[in-house]
Amino acid sequence: MGVAIVTDTVACLPSEIIQKYGITVIPLEIVHKGKVFRDGINITSAQFYEMLYTAQHL
């Protein structure tokens, strides 16, 4: 049996570390106004923080 390292995108690991150790990274899901975003897939960190900053409800 092998060992696997799994984390989500909140860890913000550098790509060099992810590749070096074969880490599986699961994108965090963010729901805003009924729409689902996947961290690093269809929303960037900058877009998320802008959304957070301008949101009337968290």
PDB file of N, CA and C in Angstrom:
ATOM      1  N   MET A   1       0.838  -1.191   0.000  1.00  0.00           N
ATOM      2  CA  MET A   1       0.000   0.000   0.000  1.00  0.00           C
ATOM      3  C   MET A   1       0.875   1.243   0.000  1.00  0.00           C
ATOM      4  N   GLY A   2       0.451   2.212  -0.788  1.00  0.00           N
ATOM      5  CA  GLY A   2       1.175   3.469  -0.837  1.00  0.00           C
ATOM      6  C   GLY A   2       0.521   4.519   0.036  1.00  0.00           C
ATOM      7  N   VAL A   3       1.181   5.627   0.093  1.00  0.00           N
ATOM      8  CA  VAL A   3       0.680   6.762   0.859  1.00  0.00           C
ATOM      9  C   VAL A   3       0.404   7.886  -0.133  1.00  0.00           C
ATOM     10  N   ALA A   4      -0.710   8.578   0.048  1.00  0.00           N
ATOM     11  CA  ALA A   4      -1.062   9.704  -0.811  1.00  0.00           C
ATOM     12  C   ALA A   4      -1.201  10.954   0.044  1.00  0.00           C
ATOM     13  N   ILE A   5      -0.755  12.059  -0.501  1.00  0.00           N
ATOM     14  CA  ILE A   5      -0.936  13.342   0.168  1.00  0.00           C
ATOM     15  C   ILE A   5      -2.019  14.090  -0.599  1.00  0.00           C
ATOM     16  N   VAL A   6      -3.051  14.503   0.118  1.00  0.00           N
ATOM     17  CA  VAL A   6      -4.180  15.202  -0.479  1.00  0.00           C
ATOM     18  C   VAL A   6      -4.448  16.455   0.348  1.00  0.00           C
ATOM     19  N   THR A   7      -4.696  17.557  -0.338  1.00  0.00           N
ATOM     20  CA  THR A   7      -5.028  18.811   0.331  1.00  0.00           C
ATOM     21  C   THR A   7      -6.033  19.558  -0.524  1.00  0.00           C
ATOM     22  N   ASP A   8      -6.499  20.694  -0.037  1.00  0.00           N
ATOM     23  CA  ASP A   8      -7.337  21.536  -0.884  1.00  0.00           C
ATOM     24  C   ASP A   8      -6.576  22.810  -1.215  1.00  0.00           C
ATOM     25  N   THR A   9      -7.165  23.651  -2.045  1.00  0.00           N
ATOM     26  CA  THR A   9      -6.471  24.835  -2.532  1.00  0.00           C
ATOM     27  C   THR A   9      -6.217  25.882  -1.448  1.00  0.00           C
ATOM     28  N   VAL A  10      -6.859  25.746  -0.306  1.00  0.00           N
ATOM     29  CA  VAL A  10      -6.624  26.693   0.784  1.00  0.00           C
ATOM     30  C   VAL A  10      -5.173  26.627   1.271  1.00  0.00           C
ATOM     31  N   ALA A  11      -4.518  25.497   1.071  1.00  0.00           N
ATOM     32  CA  ALA A  11      -3.125  25.344   1.498  1.00  0.00           C
ATOM     33  C   ALA A  11      -2.172  26.246   0.716  1.00  0.00           C
ATOM     34  N   CYS A  12      -2.569  26.660  -0.489  1.00  0.00           N
ATOM     35  CA  CYS A  12      -1.748  27.553  -1.332  1.00  0.00           C
ATOM     36  C   CYS A  12      -0.316  27.039  -1.507  1.00  0.00           C
ATOM     37  N   LEU A  13      -0.184  25.765  -1.786  1.00  0.00           N
ATOM     38  CA  LEU A  13       1.139  25.178  -1.969  1.00  0.00           C
ATOM     39  C   LEU A  13       1.738  25.618  -3.302  1.00  0.00           C
ATOM     40  N   PRO A  14       3.034  25.878  -3.320  1.00  0.00           N
ATOM     41  CA  PRO A  14       3.688  26.203  -4.592  1.00  0.00           C
ATOM     42  C   PRO A  14       3.658  24.994  -5.527  1.00  0.00           C
ATOM     43  N   SER A  15       3.548  25.243  -6.830  1.00  0.00           N
ATOM     44  CA  SER A  15       3.460  24.158  -7.803  1.00  0.00           C
ATOM     45  C   SER A  15       4.682  23.241  -7.759  1.00  0.00           C
ATOM     46  N   GLU A  16       5.855  23.792  -7.411  1.00  0.00           N
ATOM     47  CA  GLU A  16       7.063  22.962  -7.318  1.00  0.00           C
ATOM     48  C   GLU A  16       6.908  21.884  -6.246  1.00  0.00           C
ATOM     49  N   ILE A  17       6.307  22.233  -5.125  1.00  0.00           N
ATOM     50  CA  ILE A  17       6.096  21.271  -4.029  1.00  0.00           C
ATOM     51  C   ILE A  17       5.050  20.236  -4.439  1.00  0.00           C
ATOM     52  N   ILE A  18       3.975  20.695  -5.072  1.00  0.00           N
ATOM     53  CA  ILE A  18       2.920  19.791  -5.525  1.00  0.00           C
ATOM     54  C   ILE A  18       3.490  18.742  -6.474  1.00  0.00           C
ATOM     55  N   GLN A  19       4.288  19.192  -7.432  1.00  0.00           N
ATOM     56  CA  GLN A  19       4.872  18.266  -8.408  1.00  0.00           C
ATOM     57  C   GLN A  19       5.927  17.362  -7.769  1.00  0.00           C
ATOM     58  N   LYS A  20       6.775  17.927  -6.927  1.00  0.00           N
ATOM     59  CA  LYS A  20       7.861  17.159  -6.315  1.00  0.00           C
ATOM     60  C   LYS A  20       7.336  15.977  -5.504  1.00  0.00           C
ATOM     61  N   TYR A  21       6.242  16.195  -4.766  1.00  0.00           N
ATOM     62  CA  TYR A  21       5.719  15.169  -3.877  1.00  0.00           C
ATOM     63  C   TYR A  21       4.467  14.472  -4.411  1.00  0.00           C
ATOM     64  N   GLY A  22       4.036  14.832  -5.609  1.00  0.00           N
ATOM     65  CA  GLY A  22       2.855  14.187  -6.197  1.00  0.00           C
ATOM     66  C   GLY A  22       1.594  14.422  -5.392  1.00  0.00           C
ATOM     67  N   ILE A  23       1.428  15.619  -4.891  1.00  0.00           N
ATOM     68  CA  ILE A  23       0.290  15.960  -4.039  1.00  0.00           C
ATOM     69  C   ILE A  23      -0.958  16.172  -4.895  1.00  0.00           C
ATOM     70  N   THR A  24      -2.058  15.608  -4.455  1.00  0.00           N
ATOM     71  CA  THR A  24      -3.345  15.828  -5.101  1.00  0.00           C
ATOM     72  C   THR A  24      -4.005  17.034  -4.439  1.00  0.00           C
ATOM     73  N   VAL A  25      -4.398  18.009  -5.263  1.00  0.00           N
ATOM     74  CA  VAL A  25      -5.008  19.233  -4.746  1.00  0.00           C
ATOM     75  C   VAL A  25      -6.458  19.300  -5.218  1.00  0.00           C
ATOM     76  N   ILE A  26      -7.370  19.367  -4.264  1.00  0.00           N
ATOM     77  CA  ILE A  26      -8.802  19.443  -4.547  1.00  0.00           C
ATOM     78  C   ILE A  26      -9.224  20.915  -4.473  1.00  0.00           C
ATOM     79  N   PRO A  27      -9.870  21.446  -5.515  1.00  0.00           N
ATOM     80  CA  PRO A  27     -10.272  22.846  -5.475  1.00  0.00           C
ATOM     81  C   PRO A  27     -11.406  23.091  -4.471  1.00  0.00           C
ATOM     82  N   LEU A  28     -11.259  24.130  -3.681  1.00  0.00           N
ATOM     83  CA  LEU A  28     -12.284  24.546  -2.737  1.00  0.00           C
ATOM     84  C   LEU A  28     -13.471  25.068  -3.527  1.00  0.00           C
ATOM     85  N   GLU A  29     -14.682  24.743  -3.104  1.00  0.00           N
ATOM     86  CA  GLU A  29     -15.876  25.266  -3.763  1.00  0.00           C
ATOM     87  C   GLU A  29     -16.401  26.460  -2.993  1.00  0.00           C
ATOM     88  N   ILE A  30     -16.691  27.508  -3.727  1.00  0.00           N
ATOM     89  CA  ILE A  30     -17.199  28.751  -3.162  1.00  0.00           C
ATOM     90  C   ILE A  30     -18.573  28.990  -3.782  1.00  0.00           C
ATOM     91  N   VAL A  31     -19.580  29.214  -2.947  1.00  0.00           N
ATOM     92  CA  VAL A  31     -20.914  29.487  -3.453  1.00  0.00           C
ATOM     93  C   VAL A  31     -21.226  30.950  -3.151  1.00  0.00           C
ATOM     94  N   HIS A  32     -21.560  31.695  -4.210  1.00  0.00           N
ATOM     95  CA  HIS A  32     -21.880  33.117  -4.065  1.00  0.00           C
ATOM     96  C   HIS A  32     -23.081  33.433  -4.937  1.00  0.00           C
ATOM     97  N   LYS A  33     -24.141  33.904  -4.298  1.00  0.00           N
ATOM     98  CA  LYS A  33     -25.391  34.242  -5.004  1.00  0.00           C
ATOM     99  C   LYS A  33     -25.889  33.081  -5.858  1.00  0.00           C
ATOM    100  N   GLY A  34     -25.796  31.880  -5.303  1.00  0.00           N
ATOM    101  CA  GLY A  34     -26.299  30.691  -5.976  1.00  0.00           C
ATOM    102  C   GLY A  34     -25.398  30.120  -7.053  1.00  0.00           C
ATOM    103  N   LYS A  35     -24.285  30.757  -7.315  1.00  0.00           N
ATOM    104  CA  LYS A  35     -23.354  30.259  -8.325  1.00  0.00           C
ATOM    105  C   LYS A  35     -22.166  29.594  -7.633  1.00  0.00           C
ATOM    106  N   VAL A  36     -21.739  28.454  -8.159  1.00  0.00           N
ATOM    107  CA  VAL A  36     -20.626  27.700  -7.570  1.00  0.00           C
ATOM    108  C   VAL A  36     -19.346  28.001  -8.341  1.00  0.00           C
ATOM    109  N   PHE A  37     -18.315  28.382  -7.606  1.00  0.00           N
ATOM    110  CA  PHE A  37     -16.999  28.633  -8.176  1.00  0.00           C
ATOM    111  C   PHE A  37     -16.038  27.599  -7.611  1.00  0.00           C
ATOM    112  N   ARG A  38     -15.066  27.186  -8.416  1.00  0.00           N
ATOM    113  CA  ARG A  38     -14.039  26.250  -7.956  1.00  0.00           C
ATOM    114  C   ARG A  38     -12.703  26.971  -7.970  1.00  0.00           C
ATOM    115  N   ASP A  39     -12.121  27.095  -6.788  1.00  0.00           N
ATOM    116  CA  ASP A  39     -10.876  27.835  -6.592  1.00  0.00           C
ATOM    117  C   ASP A  39      -9.797  27.363  -7.559  1.00  0.00           C
ATOM    118  N   GLY A  40      -9.274  28.318  -8.339  1.00  0.00           N
ATOM    119  CA  GLY A  40      -8.221  28.001  -9.288  1.00  0.00           C
ATOM    120  C   GLY A  40      -8.712  27.417 -10.598  1.00  0.00           C
ATOM    121  N   ILE A  41     -10.015  27.118 -10.701  1.00  0.00           N
ATOM    122  CA  ILE A  41     -10.579  26.561 -11.928  1.00  0.00           C
ATOM    123  C   ILE A  41     -11.345  27.653 -12.676  1.00  0.00           C
ATOM    124  N   ASN A  42     -12.377  28.205 -12.017  1.00  0.00           N
ATOM    125  CA  ASN A  42     -13.151  29.252 -12.666  1.00  0.00           C
ATOM    126  C   ASN A  42     -13.235  30.539 -11.844  1.00  0.00           C
ATOM    127  N   ILE A  43     -12.335  30.670 -10.873  1.00  0.00           N
ATOM    128  CA  ILE A  43     -12.189  31.904 -10.116  1.00  0.00           C
ATOM    129  C   ILE A  43     -10.757  31.964  -9.576  1.00  0.00           C
ATOM    130  N   THR A  44     -10.168  33.146  -9.657  1.00  0.00           N
ATOM    131  CA  THR A  44      -8.816  33.329  -9.114  1.00  0.00           C
ATOM    132  C   THR A  44      -8.918  33.850  -7.686  1.00  0.00           C
ATOM    133  N   SER A  45      -7.816  33.824  -6.979  1.00  0.00           N
ATOM    134  CA  SER A  45      -7.801  34.370  -5.621  1.00  0.00           C
ATOM    135  C   SER A  45      -8.158  35.853  -5.627  1.00  0.00           C
ATOM    136  N   ALA A  46      -7.631  36.580  -6.601  1.00  0.00           N
ATOM    137  CA  ALA A  46      -7.918  38.013  -6.692  1.00  0.00           C
ATOM    138  C   ALA A  46      -9.412  38.257  -6.922  1.00  0.00           C
ATOM    139  N   GLN A  47     -10.023  37.456  -7.788  1.00  0.00           N
ATOM    140  CA  GLN A  47     -11.459  37.601  -8.037  1.00  0.00           C
ATOM    141  C   GLN A  47     -12.260  37.278  -6.784  1.00  0.00           C
ATOM    142  N   PHE A  48     -11.849  36.246  -6.052  1.00  0.00           N
ATOM    143  CA  PHE A  48     -12.545  35.882  -4.819  1.00  0.00           C
ATOM    144  C   PHE A  48     -12.469  37.015  -3.799  1.00  0.00           C
ATOM    145  N   TYR A  49     -11.285  37.575  -3.595  1.00  0.00           N
ATOM    146  CA  TYR A  49     -11.146  38.635  -2.606  1.00  0.00           C
ATOM    147  C   TYR A  49     -11.909  39.892  -3.008  1.00  0.00           C
ATOM    148  N   GLU A  50     -11.985  40.170  -4.297  1.00  0.00           N
ATOM    149  CA  GLU A  50     -12.786  41.303  -4.771  1.00  0.00           C
ATOM    150  C   GLU A  50     -14.270  41.046  -4.490  1.00  0.00           C
ATOM    151  N   MET A  51     -14.717  39.818  -4.736  1.00  0.00           N
ATOM    152  CA  MET A  51     -16.102  39.438  -4.463  1.00  0.00           C
ATOM    153  C   MET A  51     -16.398  39.568  -2.973  1.00  0.00           C
ATOM    154  N   LEU A  52     -15.472  39.119  -2.157  1.00  0.00           N
ATOM    155  CA  LEU A  52     -15.625  39.183  -0.708  1.00  0.00           C
ATOM    156  C   LEU A  52     -15.687  40.632  -0.235  1.00  0.00           C
ATOM    157  N   TYR A  53     -14.840  41.470  -0.787  1.00  0.00           N
ATOM    158  CA  TYR A  53     -14.755  42.875  -0.392  1.00  0.00           C
ATOM    159  C   TYR A  53     -16.034  43.631  -0.748  1.00  0.00           C
ATOM    160  N   THR A  54     -16.637  43.309  -1.889  1.00  0.00           N
ATOM    161  CA  THR A  54     -17.792  44.062  -2.359  1.00  0.00           C
ATOM    162  C   THR A  54     -19.128  43.422  -1.985  1.00  0.00           C
ATOM    163  N   ALA A  55     -19.123  42.248  -1.382  1.00  0.00           N
ATOM    164  CA  ALA A  55     -20.370  41.554  -1.053  1.00  0.00           C
ATOM    165  C   ALA A  55     -21.134  42.266   0.058  1.00  0.00           C
ATOM    166  N   GLN A  56     -22.441  42.326  -0.112  1.00  0.00           N
ATOM    167  CA  GLN A  56     -23.288  42.914   0.928  1.00  0.00           C
ATOM    168  C   GLN A  56     -23.589  41.881   2.020  1.00  0.00           C
ATOM    169  N   HIS A  57     -23.589  40.609   1.656  1.00  0.00           N
ATOM    170  CA  HIS A  57     -23.843  39.523   2.609  1.00  0.00           C
ATOM    171  C   HIS A  57     -22.755  38.468   2.461  1.00  0.00           C
ATOM    172  N   LEU A  58     -22.248  38.010   3.593  1.00  0.00           N
ATOM    173  CA  LEU A  58     -21.240  36.958   3.553  1.00  0.00           C
ATOM    174  C   LEU A  58     -21.852  35.623   3.901  1.00  0.00           C
TER     175      LEU A  58
END
